[in-house]
C-alpha cells in the first residue's frame, strides 16, 4: 500500500485515485464503519479476483 500511496503522491489523486485501506486483525476493529466507496477482498487471489466493491444503501 505504501508504494501505491507514493505513486498517488507523484501522479496526483486525479490521475491515480486510491481507495483507503483498512486492516483489522481483531474483531473489535470492525466495530466502526468504513467510508464508501470501499473494496473488499474475499480471498488472497491475485489480479483482483475475489474482490467486490459494495455501494452504500440509499
C-alpha atoms as a PDB file:
ATOM      1  CA  UNK A   1       0.000   0.000   0.000  1.00  0.00           C
ATOM      2  CA  UNK A   2       2.917   2.345   0.700  1.00  0.00           C
ATOM      3  CA  UNK A   3       4.108   2.003  -2.891  1.00  0.00           C
ATOM      4  CA  UNK A   4       0.626   2.775  -4.205  1.00  0.00           C
ATOM      5  CA  UNK A   5       0.397   5.836  -1.947  1.00  0.00           C
ATOM      6  CA  UNK A   6       3.783   7.021  -3.240  1.00  0.00           C
ATOM      7  CA  UNK A   7       2.533   6.682  -6.831  1.00  0.00           C
ATOM      8  CA  UNK A   8      -0.562   8.688  -5.936  1.00  0.00           C
ATOM      9  CA  UNK A   9       1.590  11.479  -4.489  1.00  0.00           C
ATOM     10  CA  UNK A  10       3.730  11.526  -7.655  1.00  0.00           C
ATOM     11  CA  UNK A  11       0.876  11.370 -10.176  1.00  0.00           C
ATOM     12  CA  UNK A  12      -1.803  13.188  -8.205  1.00  0.00           C
ATOM     13  CA  UNK A  13      -5.128  11.918  -6.855  1.00  0.00           C
ATOM     14  CA  UNK A  14      -6.992  12.739 -10.081  1.00  0.00           C
ATOM     15  CA  UNK A  15      -4.658  10.646 -12.255  1.00  0.00           C
ATOM     16  CA  UNK A  16      -4.188   7.823  -9.721  1.00  0.00           C
ATOM     17  CA  UNK A  17      -7.205   7.538  -7.377  1.00  0.00           C
ATOM     18  CA  UNK A  18      -6.579   5.279  -4.404  1.00  0.00           C
ATOM     19  CA  UNK A  19      -9.258   3.793  -2.146  1.00  0.00           C
ATOM     20  CA  UNK A  20      -8.221   3.921   1.546  1.00  0.00           C
ATOM     21  CA  UNK A  21      -7.353   0.514   3.005  1.00  0.00           C
ATOM     22  CA  UNK A  22      -8.058  -0.804   6.470  1.00  0.00           C
ATOM     23  CA  UNK A  23      -6.735  -3.997   8.068  1.00  0.00           C
ATOM     24  CA  UNK A  24      -8.371  -5.425  11.191  1.00  0.00           C
ATOM     25  CA  UNK A  25      -6.595  -8.247  12.969  1.00  0.00           C
ATOM     26  CA  UNK A  26      -9.177  -8.324  15.786  1.00  0.00           C
ATOM     27  CA  UNK A  27     -12.998  -8.199  15.636  1.00  0.00           C
ATOM     28  CA  UNK A  28     -13.021  -5.017  17.735  1.00  0.00           C
ATOM     29  CA  UNK A  29     -11.523  -3.121  14.789  1.00  0.00           C
ATOM     30  CA  UNK A  30     -14.633  -3.890  12.752  1.00  0.00           C
ATOM     31  CA  UNK A  31     -16.986  -2.036  15.120  1.00  0.00           C
ATOM     32  CA  UNK A  32     -16.627   1.326  13.379  1.00  0.00           C
ATOM     33  CA  UNK A  33     -17.965   1.588   9.867  1.00  0.00           C
ATOM     34  CA  UNK A  34     -15.587   2.350   6.999  1.00  0.00           C
ATOM     35  CA  UNK A  35     -16.268   5.052   4.430  1.00  0.00           C
ATOM     36  CA  UNK A  36     -17.680   4.356   0.976  1.00  0.00           C
ATOM     37  CA  UNK A  37     -16.622   3.510  -1.687  1.00  0.00           C
ATOM     38  CA  UNK A  38     -14.623   0.558  -0.443  1.00  0.00           C
ATOM     39  CA  UNK A  39     -13.078  -2.617  -1.840  1.00  0.00           C
ATOM     40  CA  UNK A  40     -13.494  -5.959  -0.056  1.00  0.00           C
ATOM     41  CA  UNK A  41     -11.125  -8.855  -0.794  1.00  0.00           C
ATOM     42  CA  UNK A  42     -12.677 -12.270  -0.232  1.00  0.00           C
ATOM     43  CA  UNK A  43      -9.585 -14.369  -0.921  1.00  0.00           C
ATOM     44  CA  UNK A  44      -5.826 -13.878  -1.318  1.00  0.00           C
ATOM     45  CA  UNK A  45      -6.057 -14.421  -5.073  1.00  0.00           C
ATOM     46  CA  UNK A  46      -4.102 -12.092  -7.393  1.00  0.00           C
ATOM     47  CA  UNK A  47      -5.286  -9.755 -10.147  1.00  0.00           C
ATOM     48  CA  UNK A  48      -8.417  -8.552  -8.363  1.00  0.00           C
ATOM     49  CA  UNK A  49     -10.158 -11.931  -8.469  1.00  0.00           C
ATOM     50  CA  UNK A  50     -12.477 -12.333  -5.485  1.00  0.00           C
ATOM     51  CA  UNK A  51     -12.929  -8.597  -4.890  1.00  0.00           C
ATOM     52  CA  UNK A  52     -16.222  -6.732  -4.616  1.00  0.00           C
ATOM     53  CA  UNK A  53     -16.983  -3.038  -4.416  1.00  0.00           C
ATOM     54  CA  UNK A  54     -20.070  -2.509  -2.229  1.00  0.00           C
ATOM     55  CA  UNK A  55     -22.125   0.654  -2.543  1.00  0.00           C
ATOM     56  CA  UNK A  56     -23.890   2.329   0.392  1.00  0.00           C
ATOM     57  CA  UNK A  57     -27.602   1.765   0.836  1.00  0.00           C
ATOM     58  CA  UNK A  58     -29.667   4.810  -0.009  1.00  0.00           C
END
